[in-house]
Amino acid sequence: MKTGTLISYLILIFAGQLSAQDPDAKIRVYLLGTFHFAQTDSLYDVLTDKNQQSVSELCEIIEKQHPDKVFIERMPDFEYQNRMDSLYQAYRMGDTRIRRNEIWQVAFRVARDLDHKTIYSCDHPGQYGYIYDQLEEYAGQHGQTEILNYKGKGITQPVTNRVNTDSLMKNSDLLDYLRWMNSYEVQRSSHAHYINLYPQIGNTDVFRYDSNYMLGASLTVDWYRRIILIYTKMINQLDYSENAIFLIMGNDHIPIIRHLFESNPYFKVIDTC
């Protein structure tokens, strides 16, 4: 068989494998990037009547998508597995303790309303804080502080750093604010600075290796590593009979998770709200 014919044949086989996969059979993935409800300043309260109305509307939107599993930003390893499960079971049984965390406000509420027997944790530890401290120290000692302040060539400043997010949050409907956070421009700019700002810090001389060689890139690598492992923990808690799954997680994580699921032909990512 000629080389050209062989290549054409292999392409047809591969294309046939993909086309044989029913698009309607793909697992729908609903991703919601969020801020941490309980970690805002003292003037913002998710428990106000106005915000609770938004939370109710958001939960109704998610519930109409009928996810079979709800994933949260907690580690399933070690103590988190039993702790989060027991807290969810207490919530299902009518635990009245009020918590501002988005896990209780959104994930637990959705899972309970859909009569899910358990909640699914998928977080994984990273070294962002540890590496960032090294970056700050190195930048201060080597005249690179301006880079951390988004000044220089080839650097993207996240949209969230260009506006007063506290003011925007307080003066917006919570659901509208979450929609803004999950917009393409906000998530794109947030993701961009991980791949064009941090790699410019540290010893970036590709011909001279030392202990700080590509230090900033180490942060980017660790960020990707953590999120790839989060994704891995998600797909390894599926049996592929699911029609849809839902994840609520810090907004900066979403672009990479989205890319991973979009690159997997067994899944279809759909905007949550």
C-alpha atoms as a PDB file:
ATOM      1  CA  MET A   1       0.000   0.000   0.000  1.00  0.00           C
ATOM      2  CA  LYS A   2       1.364   3.396  -0.973  1.00  0.00           C
ATOM      3  CA  THR A   3       2.189   5.862   1.800  1.00  0.00           C
ATOM      4  CA  GLY A   4      -0.449   8.367   0.680  1.00  0.00           C
ATOM      5  CA  THR A   5      -3.109   5.663   0.504  1.00  0.00           C
ATOM      6  CA  LEU A   6      -2.128   4.338   3.951  1.00  0.00           C
ATOM      7  CA  ILE A   7      -2.377   7.790   5.507  1.00  0.00           C
ATOM      8  CA  SER A   8      -5.781   8.353   3.906  1.00  0.00           C
ATOM      9  CA  TYR A   9      -6.914   4.974   5.181  1.00  0.00           C
ATOM     10  CA  LEU A  10      -5.800   5.736   8.742  1.00  0.00           C
ATOM     11  CA  ILE A  11      -7.505   9.124   8.633  1.00  0.00           C
ATOM     12  CA  LEU A  12     -10.763   7.475   7.569  1.00  0.00           C
ATOM     13  CA  ILE A  13     -10.504   4.939  10.413  1.00  0.00           C
ATOM     14  CA  PHE A  14      -9.869   7.651  12.980  1.00  0.00           C
ATOM     15  CA  ALA A  15     -12.631   9.872  11.600  1.00  0.00           C
ATOM     16  CA  GLY A  16     -14.981   6.903  11.686  1.00  0.00           C
ATOM     17  CA  GLN A  17     -14.179   6.262  15.326  1.00  0.00           C
ATOM     18  CA  LEU A  18     -14.999   9.842  16.200  1.00  0.00           C
ATOM     19  CA  SER A  19     -18.152  10.033  14.104  1.00  0.00           C
ATOM     20  CA  ALA A  20     -19.350   6.733  15.550  1.00  0.00           C
ATOM     21  CA  GLN A  21     -19.490   8.422  18.919  1.00  0.00           C
ATOM     22  CA  ASP A  22     -22.999   9.831  19.274  1.00  0.00           C
ATOM     23  CA  PRO A  23     -22.750  13.555  20.123  1.00  0.00           C
ATOM     24  CA  ASP A  24     -25.959  13.237  22.130  1.00  0.00           C
ATOM     25  CA  ALA A  25     -24.308  10.544  24.247  1.00  0.00           C
ATOM     26  CA  LYS A  26     -21.542  12.822  25.433  1.00  0.00           C
ATOM     27  CA  ILE A  27     -21.565  13.708  29.114  1.00  0.00           C
ATOM     28  CA  ARG A  28     -22.566  17.345  29.536  1.00  0.00           C
ATOM     29  CA  VAL A  29     -20.189  19.293  31.756  1.00  0.00           C
ATOM     30  CA  TYR A  30     -21.479  22.397  33.521  1.00  0.00           C
ATOM     31  CA  LEU A  31     -18.718  24.537  35.021  1.00  0.00           C
ATOM     32  CA  LEU A  32     -19.311  27.485  37.325  1.00  0.00           C
ATOM     33  CA  GLY A  33     -16.426  29.711  38.333  1.00  0.00           C
ATOM     34  CA  THR A  34     -17.023  31.588  41.555  1.00  0.00           C
ATOM     35  CA  PHE A  35     -15.498  33.726  44.264  1.00  0.00           C
ATOM     36  CA  HIS A  36     -15.437  32.251  47.753  1.00  0.00           C
ATOM     37  CA  PHE A  37     -18.630  33.516  49.346  1.00  0.00           C
ATOM     38  CA  ALA A  38     -17.308  33.299  52.907  1.00  0.00           C
ATOM     39  CA  GLN A  39     -14.025  35.105  52.170  1.00  0.00           C
ATOM     40  CA  THR A  40     -15.375  38.505  51.142  1.00  0.00           C
ATOM     41  CA  ASP A  41     -15.002  41.659  53.219  1.00  0.00           C
ATOM     42  CA  SER A  42     -17.321  42.296  56.169  1.00  0.00           C
ATOM     43  CA  LEU A  43     -19.644  44.542  54.117  1.00  0.00           C
ATOM     44  CA  TYR A  44     -20.711  41.763  51.740  1.00  0.00           C
ATOM     45  CA  ASP A  45     -23.107  39.125  53.000  1.00  0.00           C
ATOM     46  CA  VAL A  46     -24.426  36.323  50.815  1.00  0.00           C
ATOM     47  CA  LEU A  47     -27.210  35.797  53.356  1.00  0.00           C
ATOM     48  CA  THR A  48     -29.065  39.030  52.606  1.00  0.00           C
ATOM     49  CA  ASP A  49     -32.552  38.610  51.143  1.00  0.00           C
ATOM     50  CA  LYS A  50     -31.386  39.996  47.802  1.00  0.00           C
ATOM     51  CA  ASN A  51     -28.418  37.637  47.540  1.00  0.00           C
ATOM     52  CA  GLN A  52     -30.439  34.661  48.740  1.00  0.00           C
ATOM     53  CA  GLN A  53     -32.921  35.308  45.955  1.00  0.00           C
ATOM     54  CA  SER A  54     -30.035  35.200  43.465  1.00  0.00           C
ATOM     55  CA  VAL A  55     -28.718  31.991  45.004  1.00  0.00           C
ATOM     56  CA  SER A  56     -32.164  30.422  44.671  1.00  0.00           C
ATOM     57  CA  GLU A  57     -32.374  31.469  41.017  1.00  0.00           C
ATOM     58  CA  LEU A  58     -28.897  30.094  40.341  1.00  0.00           C
ATOM     59  CA  CYS A  59     -29.713  26.769  41.988  1.00  0.00           C
ATOM     60  CA  GLU A  60     -32.911  26.483  39.956  1.00  0.00           C
ATOM     61  CA  ILE A  61     -30.932  27.043  36.743  1.00  0.00           C
ATOM     62  CA  ILE A  62     -28.438  24.317  37.672  1.00  0.00           C
ATOM     63  CA  GLU A  63     -31.143  21.893  38.788  1.00  0.00           C
ATOM     64  CA  LYS A  64     -32.916  22.233  35.432  1.00  0.00           C
ATOM     65  CA  GLN A  65     -29.715  20.898  33.833  1.00  0.00           C
ATOM     66  CA  HIS A  66     -30.128  17.704  35.907  1.00  0.00           C
ATOM     67  CA  PRO A  67     -26.485  16.938  36.743  1.00  0.00           C
ATOM     68  CA  ASP A  68     -26.039  13.383  37.974  1.00  0.00           C
ATOM     69  CA  LYS A  69     -23.052  14.359  40.129  1.00  0.00           C
ATOM     70  CA  VAL A  70     -22.077  17.610  41.843  1.00  0.00           C
ATOM     71  CA  PHE A  71     -18.355  18.268  42.323  1.00  0.00           C
ATOM     72  CA  ILE A  72     -16.878  20.695  44.858  1.00  0.00           C
ATOM     73  CA  GLU A  73     -13.506  22.304  45.563  1.00  0.00           C
ATOM     74  CA  ARG A  74     -12.478  20.044  48.411  1.00  0.00           C
ATOM     75  CA  MET A  75      -9.881  17.304  48.520  1.00  0.00           C
ATOM     76  CA  PRO A  76     -11.346  13.785  48.614  1.00  0.00           C
ATOM     77  CA  ASP A  77      -8.116  12.575  50.184  1.00  0.00           C
ATOM     78  CA  PHE A  78      -7.486  12.161  53.885  1.00  0.00           C
ATOM     79  CA  GLU A  79      -9.926  13.846  56.296  1.00  0.00           C
ATOM     80  CA  TYR A  80     -11.947  15.674  53.641  1.00  0.00           C
ATOM     81  CA  GLN A  81     -13.702  12.573  52.336  1.00  0.00           C
ATOM     82  CA  ASN A  82     -15.548  11.696  55.525  1.00  0.00           C
ATOM     83  CA  ARG A  83     -15.910  15.268  56.728  1.00  0.00           C
ATOM     84  CA  MET A  84     -17.571  16.628  53.600  1.00  0.00           C
ATOM     85  CA  ASP A  85     -19.747  13.560  53.243  1.00  0.00           C
ATOM     86  CA  SER A  86     -20.931  13.755  56.848  1.00  0.00           C
ATOM     87  CA  LEU A  87     -21.600  17.482  56.529  1.00  0.00           C
ATOM     88  CA  TYR A  88     -23.619  16.884  53.372  1.00  0.00           C
ATOM     89  CA  GLN A  89     -25.569  14.070  55.019  1.00  0.00           C
ATOM     90  CA  ALA A  90     -26.390  16.369  57.932  1.00  0.00           C
ATOM     91  CA  TYR A  91     -27.474  19.041  55.454  1.00  0.00           C
ATOM     92  CA  ARG A  92     -29.763  16.546  53.708  1.00  0.00           C
ATOM     93  CA  MET A  93     -31.314  15.677  57.059  1.00  0.00           C
ATOM     94  CA  GLY A  94     -32.146  19.312  57.792  1.00  0.00           C
ATOM     95  CA  ASP A  95     -29.050  20.711  59.524  1.00  0.00           C
ATOM     96  CA  THR A  96     -30.026  24.348  60.134  1.00  0.00           C
ATOM     97  CA  ARG A  97     -26.540  25.723  60.779  1.00  0.00           C
ATOM     98  CA  ILE A  98     -26.033  28.671  58.444  1.00  0.00           C
ATOM     99  CA  ARG A  99     -22.852  28.739  56.375  1.00  0.00           C
ATOM    100  CA  ARG A 100     -21.894  31.325  53.788  1.00  0.00           C
ATOM    101  CA  ASN A 101     -19.587  29.056  51.800  1.00  0.00           C
ATOM    102  CA  GLU A 102     -20.619  28.476  48.168  1.00  0.00           C
ATOM    103  CA  ILE A 103     -20.456  24.732  48.813  1.00  0.00           C
ATOM    104  CA  TRP A 104     -23.382  24.948  51.225  1.00  0.00           C
ATOM    105  CA  GLN A 105     -25.151  27.786  49.433  1.00  0.00           C
ATOM    106  CA  VAL A 106     -25.043  26.232  45.960  1.00  0.00           C
ATOM    107  CA  ALA A 107     -23.536  22.736  45.705  1.00  0.00           C
ATOM    108  CA  PHE A 108     -25.222  21.191  48.751  1.00  0.00           C
ATOM    109  CA  ARG A 109     -28.543  22.820  47.894  1.00  0.00           C
ATOM    110  CA  VAL A 110     -28.506  21.595  44.298  1.00  0.00           C
ATOM    111  CA  ALA A 111     -27.439  18.064  45.267  1.00  0.00           C
ATOM    112  CA  ARG A 112     -30.100  17.855  47.982  1.00  0.00           C
ATOM    113  CA  ASP A 113     -32.872  19.151  45.728  1.00  0.00           C
ATOM    114  CA  LEU A 114     -31.906  16.557  43.110  1.00  0.00           C
ATOM    115  CA  ASP A 115     -31.887  13.860  45.820  1.00  0.00           C
ATOM    116  CA  HIS A 116     -28.217  13.000  45.360  1.00  0.00           C
ATOM    117  CA  LYS A 117     -26.987  10.543  47.963  1.00  0.00           C
ATOM    118  CA  THR A 118     -23.491  12.005  48.124  1.00  0.00           C
ATOM    119  CA  ILE A 119     -21.360  14.967  47.110  1.00  0.00           C
ATOM    120  CA  TYR A 120     -18.137  14.584  45.094  1.00  0.00           C
ATOM    121  CA  SER A 121     -14.865  16.237  46.079  1.00  0.00           C
ATOM    122  CA  CYS A 122     -12.096  16.744  43.525  1.00  0.00           C
ATOM    123  CA  ASP A 123      -9.582  19.343  44.713  1.00  0.00           C
ATOM    124  CA  HIS A 124      -5.831  18.712  44.866  1.00  0.00           C
ATOM    125  CA  PRO A 125      -3.133  20.628  46.757  1.00  0.00           C
ATOM    126  CA  GLY A 126      -0.704  22.888  44.937  1.00  0.00           C
ATOM    127  CA  GLN A 127       2.304  24.993  45.871  1.00  0.00           C
ATOM    128  CA  TYR A 128       1.104  28.331  44.526  1.00  0.00           C
ATOM    129  CA  GLY A 129       1.620  30.249  47.779  1.00  0.00           C
ATOM    130  CA  TYR A 130       5.047  28.738  48.432  1.00  0.00           C
ATOM    131  CA  ILE A 131       6.333  29.446  44.918  1.00  0.00           C
ATOM    132  CA  TYR A 132       4.758  32.916  44.799  1.00  0.00           C
ATOM    133  CA  ASP A 133       6.621  33.899  47.987  1.00  0.00           C
ATOM    134  CA  GLN A 134       9.871  32.932  46.263  1.00  0.00           C
ATOM    135  CA  LEU A 135       8.864  34.946  43.204  1.00  0.00           C
ATOM    136  CA  GLU A 136       8.204  38.061  45.257  1.00  0.00           C
ATOM    137  CA  GLU A 137      11.545  37.744  47.007  1.00  0.00           C
ATOM    138  CA  TYR A 138      13.442  37.159  43.763  1.00  0.00           C
ATOM    139  CA  ALA A 139      11.624  39.960  41.957  1.00  0.00           C
ATOM    140  CA  GLY A 140      12.402  42.400  44.762  1.00  0.00           C
ATOM    141  CA  GLN A 141      16.092  41.509  44.715  1.00  0.00           C
ATOM    142  CA  HIS A 142      16.507  41.535  40.929  1.00  0.00           C
ATOM    143  CA  GLY A 143      14.454  44.479  39.721  1.00  0.00           C
ATOM    144  CA  GLN A 144      11.490  42.448  38.499  1.00  0.00           C
ATOM    145  CA  THR A 145       8.815  43.850  40.809  1.00  0.00           C
ATOM    146  CA  GLU A 146       7.312  45.858  37.962  1.00  0.00           C
ATOM    147  CA  ILE A 147       6.449  42.603  36.214  1.00  0.00           C
ATOM    148  CA  LEU A 148       4.370  41.510  39.202  1.00  0.00           C
ATOM    149  CA  ASN A 149       2.600  44.861  38.898  1.00  0.00           C
ATOM    150  CA  TYR A 150       1.640  44.034  35.296  1.00  0.00           C
ATOM    151  CA  LYS A 151       4.136  46.470  33.788  1.00  0.00           C
ATOM    152  CA  GLY A 152       6.231  45.261  30.895  1.00  0.00           C
ATOM    153  CA  LYS A 153       5.981  43.676  27.488  1.00  0.00           C
ATOM    154  CA  GLY A 154       3.807  40.679  26.757  1.00  0.00           C
ATOM    155  CA  ILE A 155       1.879  40.831  30.045  1.00  0.00           C
ATOM    156  CA  THR A 156      -1.875  40.540  30.498  1.00  0.00           C
ATOM    157  CA  GLN A 157      -3.520  42.266  33.422  1.00  0.00           C
ATOM    158  CA  PRO A 158      -6.648  40.337  34.483  1.00  0.00           C
ATOM    159  CA  VAL A 159      -9.918  42.196  34.079  1.00  0.00           C
ATOM    160  CA  THR A 160     -10.563  41.583  37.779  1.00  0.00           C
ATOM    161  CA  ASN A 161      -7.481  43.679  38.583  1.00  0.00           C
ATOM    162  CA  ARG A 162      -8.644  46.576  36.446  1.00  0.00           C
ATOM    163  CA  VAL A 163     -11.972  47.143  38.187  1.00  0.00           C
ATOM    164  CA  ASN A 164     -13.081  47.526  41.792  1.00  0.00           C
ATOM    165  CA  THR A 165     -14.532  44.053  42.222  1.00  0.00           C
ATOM    166  CA  ASP A 166     -15.717  44.743  45.781  1.00  0.00           C
ATOM    167  CA  SER A 167     -17.777  47.683  44.552  1.00  0.00           C
ATOM    168  CA  LEU A 168     -19.001  45.763  41.513  1.00  0.00           C
ATOM    169  CA  MET A 169     -20.019  42.826  43.682  1.00  0.00           C
ATOM    170  CA  LYS A 170     -21.906  44.960  46.180  1.00  0.00           C
ATOM    171  CA  ASN A 171     -23.752  46.925  43.512  1.00  0.00           C
ATOM    172  CA  SER A 172     -24.652  43.963  41.311  1.00  0.00           C
ATOM    173  CA  ASP A 173     -27.139  41.174  41.507  1.00  0.00           C
ATOM    174  CA  LEU A 174     -25.178  38.113  42.663  1.00  0.00           C
ATOM    175  CA  LEU A 175     -26.291  36.048  39.682  1.00  0.00           C
ATOM    176  CA  ASP A 176     -25.297  38.811  37.261  1.00  0.00           C
ATOM    177  CA  TYR A 177     -21.927  39.122  38.996  1.00  0.00           C
ATOM    178  CA  LEU A 178     -21.290  35.389  38.598  1.00  0.00           C
ATOM    179  CA  ARG A 179     -22.265  35.623  34.942  1.00  0.00           C
ATOM    180  CA  TRP A 180     -19.725  38.421  34.537  1.00  0.00           C
ATOM    181  CA  MET A 181     -17.047  36.331  36.251  1.00  0.00           C
ATOM    182  CA  ASN A 182     -17.761  33.440  33.889  1.00  0.00           C
ATOM    183  CA  SER A 183     -17.620  35.587  30.772  1.00  0.00           C
ATOM    184  CA  TYR A 184     -15.015  34.770  28.155  1.00  0.00           C
ATOM    185  CA  GLU A 185     -13.093  38.024  28.628  1.00  0.00           C
ATOM    186  CA  VAL A 186     -12.798  37.759  32.409  1.00  0.00           C
ATOM    187  CA  GLN A 187     -11.729  34.116  32.373  1.00  0.00           C
ATOM    188  CA  ARG A 188      -9.428  34.565  29.378  1.00  0.00           C
ATOM    189  CA  SER A 189      -7.545  37.469  30.953  1.00  0.00           C
ATOM    190  CA  SER A 190      -7.272  35.675  34.278  1.00  0.00           C
ATOM    191  CA  HIS A 191      -5.801  32.606  32.623  1.00  0.00           C
ATOM    192  CA  ALA A 192      -3.479  34.642  30.395  1.00  0.00           C
ATOM    193  CA  HIS A 193      -1.433  36.127  33.226  1.00  0.00           C
ATOM    194  CA  TYR A 194      -0.525  32.642  34.457  1.00  0.00           C
ATOM    195  CA  ILE A 195       1.115  31.922  31.106  1.00  0.00           C
ATOM    196  CA  ASN A 196       2.610  35.288  30.155  1.00  0.00           C
ATOM    197  CA  LEU A 197       3.468  37.079  33.421  1.00  0.00           C
ATOM    198  CA  TYR A 198       4.925  34.454  35.751  1.00  0.00           C
ATOM    199  CA  PRO A 199       7.265  32.825  33.194  1.00  0.00           C
ATOM    200  CA  GLN A 200       9.041  36.206  32.868  1.00  0.00           C
ATOM    201  CA  ILE A 201      10.195  36.150  36.515  1.00  0.00           C
ATOM    202  CA  GLY A 202      13.299  34.467  37.854  1.00  0.00           C
ATOM    203  CA  ASN A 203      16.448  33.649  35.939  1.00  0.00           C
ATOM    204  CA  THR A 204      15.091  33.511  32.410  1.00  0.00           C
ATOM    205  CA  ASP A 205      18.508  33.270  30.735  1.00  0.00           C
ATOM    206  CA  VAL A 206      18.095  30.031  28.828  1.00  0.00           C
ATOM    207  CA  PHE A 207      21.874  29.628  28.636  1.00  0.00           C
ATOM    208  CA  ARG A 208      22.555  29.997  32.377  1.00  0.00           C
ATOM    209  CA  TYR A 209      21.084  27.535  34.831  1.00  0.00           C
ATOM    210  CA  ASP A 210      20.933  28.211  38.575  1.00  0.00           C
ATOM    211  CA  SER A 211      18.579  27.493  41.475  1.00  0.00           C
ATOM    212  CA  ASN A 212      16.172  30.201  40.293  1.00  0.00           C
ATOM    213  CA  TYR A 213      16.147  29.054  36.679  1.00  0.00           C
ATOM    214  CA  MET A 214      12.689  29.627  35.202  1.00  0.00           C
ATOM    215  CA  LEU A 215      11.310  30.138  38.719  1.00  0.00           C
ATOM    216  CA  GLY A 216       8.134  31.821  37.489  1.00  0.00           C
ATOM    217  CA  ALA A 217       7.474  29.032  35.013  1.00  0.00           C
ATOM    218  CA  SER A 218       7.569  26.649  37.980  1.00  0.00           C
ATOM    219  CA  LEU A 219       4.484  28.399  39.322  1.00  0.00           C
ATOM    220  CA  THR A 220       2.715  27.998  35.988  1.00  0.00           C
ATOM    221  CA  VAL A 221       3.706  24.328  35.840  1.00  0.00           C
ATOM    222  CA  ASP A 222       2.417  23.742  39.360  1.00  0.00           C
ATOM    223  CA  TRP A 223      -0.848  25.550  38.529  1.00  0.00           C
ATOM    224  CA  TYR A 224      -1.410  23.282  35.520  1.00  0.00           C
ATOM    225  CA  ARG A 225      -0.374  20.219  37.502  1.00  0.00           C
ATOM    226  CA  ARG A 226      -2.917  20.922  40.229  1.00  0.00           C
ATOM    227  CA  ILE A 227      -5.764  21.484  37.785  1.00  0.00           C
ATOM    228  CA  ILE A 228      -4.917  18.430  35.683  1.00  0.00           C
ATOM    229  CA  LEU A 229      -5.079  16.363  38.870  1.00  0.00           C
ATOM    230  CA  ILE A 230      -8.426  17.961  39.774  1.00  0.00           C
ATOM    231  CA  TYR A 231      -9.722  16.949  36.344  1.00  0.00           C
ATOM    232  CA  THR A 232      -8.277  13.464  36.836  1.00  0.00           C
ATOM    233  CA  LYS A 233     -10.078  13.084  40.161  1.00  0.00           C
ATOM    234  CA  MET A 234     -13.304  14.110  38.481  1.00  0.00           C
ATOM    235  CA  ILE A 235     -13.206  11.634  35.602  1.00  0.00           C
ATOM    236  CA  ASN A 236     -12.112   8.825  37.922  1.00  0.00           C
ATOM    237  CA  GLN A 237     -15.300   9.259  39.929  1.00  0.00           C
ATOM    238  CA  LEU A 238     -17.450   8.679  36.833  1.00  0.00           C
ATOM    239  CA  ASP A 239     -18.755   5.399  35.477  1.00  0.00           C
ATOM    240  CA  TYR A 240     -19.732   7.020  32.136  1.00  0.00           C
ATOM    241  CA  SER A 241     -23.411   6.336  32.642  1.00  0.00           C
ATOM    242  CA  GLU A 242     -23.851   9.995  33.635  1.00  0.00           C
ATOM    243  CA  ASN A 243     -25.746  12.368  31.390  1.00  0.00           C
ATOM    244  CA  ALA A 244     -24.365  15.503  33.033  1.00  0.00           C
ATOM    245  CA  ILE A 245     -22.061  16.666  35.831  1.00  0.00           C
ATOM    246  CA  PHE A 246     -21.663  20.010  37.574  1.00  0.00           C
ATOM    247  CA  LEU A 247     -18.580  21.617  39.138  1.00  0.00           C
ATOM    248  CA  ILE A 248     -18.423  24.783  41.244  1.00  0.00           C
ATOM    249  CA  MET A 249     -14.879  26.030  41.829  1.00  0.00           C
ATOM    250  CA  GLY A 250     -12.728  29.141  42.097  1.00  0.00           C
ATOM    251  CA  ASN A 251     -12.958  31.022  38.818  1.00  0.00           C
ATOM    252  CA  ASP A 252      -9.237  30.965  37.975  1.00  0.00           C
ATOM    253  CA  HIS A 253      -9.325  27.172  37.705  1.00  0.00           C
ATOM    254  CA  ILE A 254     -12.098  27.044  35.147  1.00  0.00           C
ATOM    255  CA  PRO A 255     -10.250  27.865  31.863  1.00  0.00           C
ATOM    256  CA  ILE A 256      -7.871  24.907  32.141  1.00  0.00           C
ATOM    257  CA  ILE A 257     -10.578  22.521  33.343  1.00  0.00           C
ATOM    258  CA  ARG A 258     -12.735  23.674  30.443  1.00  0.00           C
ATOM    259  CA  HIS A 259      -9.895  22.998  27.995  1.00  0.00           C
ATOM    260  CA  LEU A 260      -9.327  19.507  29.394  1.00  0.00           C
ATOM    261  CA  PHE A 261     -12.980  18.512  29.112  1.00  0.00           C
ATOM    262  CA  GLU A 262     -13.328  20.121  25.687  1.00  0.00           C
ATOM    263  CA  SER A 263     -10.321  18.104  24.520  1.00  0.00           C
ATOM    264  CA  ASN A 264     -11.881  14.853  25.719  1.00  0.00           C
ATOM    265  CA  PRO A 265     -14.322  13.572  23.055  1.00  0.00           C
ATOM    266  CA  TYR A 266     -16.526  11.933  25.683  1.00  0.00           C
ATOM    267  CA  PHE A 267     -17.600  15.271  27.133  1.00  0.00           C
ATOM    268  CA  LYS A 268     -19.395  18.414  26.023  1.00  0.00           C
ATOM    269  CA  VAL A 269     -18.902  21.631  28.003  1.00  0.00           C
ATOM    270  CA  ILE A 270     -21.960  23.847  28.310  1.00  0.00           C
ATOM    271  CA  ASP A 271     -22.252  27.252  29.956  1.00  0.00           C
ATOM    272  CA  THR A 272     -23.983  26.962  33.302  1.00  0.00           C
ATOM    273  CA  CYS A 273     -25.750  30.318  33.432  1.00  0.00           C
END
